[in-house]
Amino acid sequence: MTKTNIGFLTVTFFSLGLVTANSAEAITFNLSWTGQTLGYQLKGSFSYDENQVNDDGIVSKEDLTSFDIAFIDPDGNIFKEFLDNHLTSSDFNFNFDTNTKQIRQTGASNQPDGISIGGEKGTGVNFFSSPNPMANLFPDEEPSPHVHLTDWGNEFPDLPKGFTRGAVPHLDIAFFTRTTAEVLDAPNAGDEQGQLLMATPVPESNGIWGLGVFGLGSAVLSLKRQLK
């Protein structure tokens, strides 16, 4: 997919069926993440039926009614999007705790406390977690849970790589307990720690207008009417 300015692709992304929270049973959350090294972003949303949640309060792949995401490069362009990702990827793993309103993402990518979304791990553009201490990078061997955004198949060779210290170069990364200076082994890089993938509830009364992260407005509504 050719990189497209976020202002245009927003219309495409959301007019294809993303997000309305207009039913008492449908619960919708926005997704947002910013990488620690170059500022790549993940934006999107997911929905589930609150009446179908298990007693443990965990929403997983089989509980989702929608899951749509887009990956955005450091210049603000969407370079890859996935609609109904929970139905299209065999590697898909997502676990949301409705009690804490947090996404589980500190474990291995294929475990109940981990995450793997987007393309296939090993071949696609994939966002995934790892709990490894990575002693080769951080000699203290303390736990270093982190997430990666990786173009495994080099589908976008012109995109800059934000983390190349490991065996596989990643577009971006976020270590939840490590500063940017530690991650890049650069003392002046900053003392901010990596960001978790965040879930923010969309008010039921707002429906699609709750998706302010993409700057939707009257122009989008006008274009959607033209597309009908």
Protein backbone atom coordinates (compact mmCIF):
# COMPACT_ATOMS: atom_id res chain seq x y z
CA MET A 1 0.00 0.00 0.00
CA THR A 2 1.36 3.41 -0.91
CA LYS A 3 1.85 5.71 2.02
CA THR A 4 -0.99 8.19 2.24
CA ASN A 5 -1.42 11.28 4.33
CA ILE A 6 -3.34 10.53 7.49
CA GLY A 7 -5.92 13.19 6.74
CA PHE A 8 -7.14 11.32 3.65
CA LEU A 9 -6.80 7.76 4.83
CA THR A 10 -8.67 8.53 8.01
CA VAL A 11 -11.80 8.83 5.90
CA THR A 12 -11.16 5.48 4.22
CA PHE A 13 -10.22 3.80 7.48
CA PHE A 14 -13.31 4.80 9.38
CA SER A 15 -15.84 4.73 6.56
CA LEU A 16 -15.17 1.01 6.12
CA GLY A 17 -17.05 0.07 9.25
CA LEU A 18 -14.94 1.23 12.19
CA VAL A 19 -16.63 2.15 15.37
CA THR A 20 -19.99 3.11 16.45
CA ALA A 21 -20.81 2.70 20.09
CA ASN A 22 -24.54 3.19 19.68
CA SER A 23 -25.83 0.06 21.40
CA ALA A 24 -26.11 -0.71 25.07
CA GLU A 25 -24.22 -3.97 24.50
CA ALA A 26 -21.44 -2.72 22.20
CA ILE A 27 -18.39 -1.43 24.03
CA THR A 28 -15.76 0.37 21.95
CA PHE A 29 -12.25 1.51 22.84
CA ASN A 30 -9.77 3.57 20.85
CA LEU A 31 -6.21 2.28 20.60
CA SER A 32 -3.09 4.47 20.63
CA TRP A 33 0.65 3.94 20.94
CA THR A 34 3.77 5.96 20.15
CA GLY A 35 7.17 4.32 19.73
CA GLN A 36 10.07 5.16 21.99
CA THR A 37 12.79 5.85 19.42
CA LEU A 38 11.34 7.37 16.22
CA GLY A 39 7.74 8.10 17.14
CA TYR A 40 5.94 5.59 14.92
CA GLN A 41 2.30 5.34 15.94
CA LEU A 42 -0.47 2.79 16.14
CA LYS A 43 -4.05 4.07 16.02
CA GLY A 44 -7.31 2.21 15.86
CA SER A 45 -10.20 0.75 17.82
CA PHE A 46 -11.79 -2.47 19.01
CA SER A 47 -15.30 -3.45 20.09
CA TYR A 48 -16.91 -6.26 22.04
CA ASP A 49 -20.32 -7.21 23.41
CA GLU A 50 -20.37 -6.54 27.14
CA ASN A 51 -22.94 -9.31 27.63
CA GLN A 52 -20.54 -11.90 26.21
CA VAL A 53 -17.52 -11.21 28.44
CA ASN A 54 -16.30 -14.19 30.48
CA ASP A 55 -16.41 -14.18 34.27
CA ASP A 56 -12.69 -13.39 34.43
CA GLY A 57 -13.33 -10.09 32.62
CA ILE A 58 -10.81 -10.77 29.84
CA VAL A 59 -11.74 -9.92 26.25
CA SER A 60 -9.75 -12.01 23.77
CA LYS A 61 -9.81 -12.73 20.04
CA GLU A 62 -13.02 -14.75 20.06
CA ASP A 63 -14.86 -12.04 22.03
CA LEU A 64 -14.16 -9.18 19.63
CA THR A 65 -16.77 -7.80 17.23
CA SER A 66 -14.31 -5.46 15.48
CA PHE A 67 -10.59 -4.72 15.58
CA ASP A 68 -9.18 -2.12 13.17
CA ILE A 69 -5.70 -0.58 13.32
CA ALA A 70 -3.35 1.57 11.27
CA PHE A 71 0.42 1.98 11.52
CA ILE A 72 1.73 5.52 11.02
CA ASP A 73 5.28 6.53 10.12
CA PRO A 74 7.26 9.34 11.84
CA ASP A 75 6.02 11.84 9.22
CA GLY A 76 2.38 11.15 10.06
CA ASN A 77 1.55 8.96 7.06
CA ILE A 78 -0.41 5.72 7.37
CA PHE A 79 1.65 3.02 5.67
CA LYS A 80 -0.32 -0.08 6.65
CA GLU A 81 -3.85 -0.71 7.93
CA PHE A 82 -5.74 -3.81 9.03
CA LEU A 83 -9.53 -4.01 9.15
CA ASP A 84 -11.11 -6.74 11.30
CA ASN A 85 -7.59 -7.86 12.12
CA HIS A 86 -8.92 -10.49 14.56
CA LEU A 87 -10.43 -12.32 11.58
CA THR A 88 -7.54 -11.99 9.14
CA SER A 89 -4.36 -12.98 11.01
CA SER A 90 -3.57 -16.45 12.34
CA ASP A 91 -1.00 -14.90 14.70
CA PHE A 92 -3.50 -12.45 16.19
CA ASN A 93 -3.34 -12.35 20.00
CA PHE A 94 -5.07 -9.66 22.05
CA ASN A 95 -6.22 -9.70 25.65
CA PHE A 96 -8.02 -6.79 27.29
CA ASP A 97 -8.83 -6.73 31.00
CA THR A 98 -12.23 -5.10 31.45
CA ASN A 99 -11.61 -4.76 35.19
CA THR A 100 -8.44 -2.67 34.89
CA LYS A 101 -9.19 -1.32 31.38
CA GLN A 102 -5.66 -2.30 30.36
CA ILE A 103 -4.27 -4.35 27.49
CA ARG A 104 -2.10 -7.29 28.48
CA GLN A 105 1.27 -6.83 26.75
CA THR A 106 4.16 -7.81 29.03
CA GLY A 107 4.36 -11.49 28.14
CA ALA A 108 5.35 -13.49 25.08
CA SER A 109 3.46 -12.62 21.92
CA ASN A 110 1.51 -15.90 21.87
CA GLN A 111 0.59 -16.01 25.56
CA PRO A 112 -2.47 -14.74 27.48
CA ASP A 113 -0.42 -11.85 28.89
CA GLY A 114 1.09 -10.91 25.51
CA ILE A 115 0.06 -9.32 22.23
CA SER A 116 0.55 -9.86 18.49
CA ILE A 117 -1.50 -7.74 16.08
CA GLY A 118 -1.23 -6.56 12.48
CA GLY A 119 0.47 -8.86 9.99
CA GLU A 120 1.93 -12.31 10.53
CA LYS A 121 4.92 -12.45 12.84
CA GLY A 122 7.95 -13.31 10.75
CA THR A 123 6.54 -12.09 7.43
CA GLY A 124 4.29 -9.04 7.86
CA VAL A 125 4.17 -5.66 9.58
CA ASN A 126 3.59 -6.84 13.12
CA PHE A 127 3.20 -5.28 16.58
CA PHE A 128 4.16 -7.79 19.27
CA SER A 129 5.35 -8.12 22.85
CA SER A 130 8.28 -9.83 24.54
CA PRO A 131 9.19 -10.30 28.23
CA ASN A 132 12.86 -11.08 27.64
CA PRO A 133 15.39 -9.42 29.97
CA MET A 134 17.76 -8.92 26.99
CA ALA A 135 20.92 -9.23 29.05
CA ASN A 136 23.01 -8.49 25.98
CA LEU A 137 21.56 -4.96 26.00
CA PHE A 138 20.95 -4.41 29.71
CA PRO A 139 23.60 -6.19 31.83
CA ASP A 140 21.56 -5.87 35.05
CA GLU A 141 19.34 -8.68 33.70
CA GLU A 142 16.24 -7.10 35.21
CA PRO A 143 12.94 -7.91 33.45
CA SER A 144 12.52 -5.69 30.39
CA PRO A 145 9.01 -6.23 28.97
CA HIS A 146 8.63 -4.42 25.68
CA VAL A 147 6.72 -4.20 22.41
CA HIS A 148 8.08 -4.00 18.87
CA LEU A 149 6.78 -2.67 15.57
CA THR A 150 8.54 -4.75 12.96
CA ASP A 151 8.43 -4.97 9.16
CA TRP A 152 9.48 -8.61 9.02
CA GLY A 153 9.21 -8.97 5.26
CA ASN A 154 10.83 -5.61 4.47
CA GLU A 155 7.64 -4.55 2.72
CA PHE A 156 8.57 -0.91 3.31
CA PRO A 157 12.37 -0.75 2.82
CA ASP A 158 12.44 3.05 2.74
CA LEU A 159 11.00 3.46 6.22
CA PRO A 160 13.61 4.32 8.88
CA LYS A 161 14.49 1.72 11.51
CA GLY A 162 14.37 2.98 15.07
CA PHE A 163 15.98 0.06 16.88
CA THR A 164 18.81 -1.97 15.38
CA ARG A 165 20.71 -3.21 18.43
CA GLY A 166 19.20 -6.69 18.35
CA ALA A 167 19.33 -9.47 15.77
CA VAL A 168 16.33 -8.07 13.86
CA PRO A 169 15.96 -4.34 13.05
CA HIS A 170 12.64 -2.91 14.20
CA LEU A 171 10.77 0.15 12.96
CA ASP A 172 10.23 1.16 16.58
CA ILE A 173 10.14 -0.27 20.05
CA ALA A 174 9.01 0.58 23.57
CA PHE A 175 10.62 -0.77 26.74
CA PHE A 176 8.22 -0.15 29.62
CA THR A 177 10.92 -0.11 32.33
CA ARG A 178 13.85 1.35 30.36
CA THR A 179 14.66 4.92 29.44
CA THR A 180 15.33 5.97 25.87
CA ALA A 181 18.95 6.60 26.85
CA GLU A 182 19.27 2.98 27.97
CA VAL A 183 17.48 1.61 24.92
CA LEU A 184 19.65 3.50 22.44
CA ASP A 185 22.80 3.33 24.58
CA ALA A 186 23.01 7.10 24.19
CA PRO A 187 23.30 9.07 27.46
CA ASN A 188 21.65 12.19 26.04
CA ALA A 189 18.70 10.45 24.37
CA GLY A 190 16.29 11.13 27.24
CA ASP A 191 14.93 9.56 30.41
CA GLU A 192 11.41 8.76 29.17
CA GLN A 193 10.29 5.16 29.45
CA GLY A 194 8.47 3.35 26.64
CA GLN A 195 4.72 3.68 26.23
CA LEU A 196 2.18 0.90 26.63
CA LEU A 197 -0.49 0.39 23.98
CA MET A 198 -3.37 2.35 25.49
CA ALA A 199 -7.12 1.73 25.34
CA THR A 200 -9.48 4.69 25.79
CA PRO A 201 -13.26 4.19 26.01
CA VAL A 202 -15.48 5.75 23.36
CA PRO A 203 -18.62 7.26 24.96
CA GLU A 204 -21.73 5.43 23.77
CA SER A 205 -23.53 8.65 22.91
CA ASN A 206 -20.69 9.84 20.70
CA GLY A 207 -20.38 6.91 18.33
CA ILE A 208 -17.85 7.60 15.59
CA TRP A 209 -17.35 11.18 16.79
CA GLY A 210 -15.58 9.80 19.82
CA LEU A 211 -12.58 9.06 17.60
CA GLY A 212 -10.93 12.41 18.05
CA VAL A 213 -7.47 10.90 17.73
CA PHE A 214 -7.89 11.03 13.97
CA GLY A 215 -9.34 14.53 13.88
CA LEU A 216 -12.65 13.58 12.36
CA GLY A 217 -14.97 16.45 11.55
CA SER A 218 -17.72 17.70 9.30
CA ALA A 219 -15.61 17.17 6.18
CA VAL A 220 -15.49 13.43 6.89
CA LEU A 221 -19.25 13.24 7.29
CA SER A 222 -19.70 15.08 4.01
CA LEU A 223 -17.39 12.68 2.17
CA LYS A 224 -19.07 9.65 3.71
CA ARG A 225 -22.40 10.87 2.36
CA GLN A 226 -20.86 11.17 -1.10
CA LEU A 227 -19.58 7.59 -0.88
CA LYS A 228 -23.04 6.13 -0.17
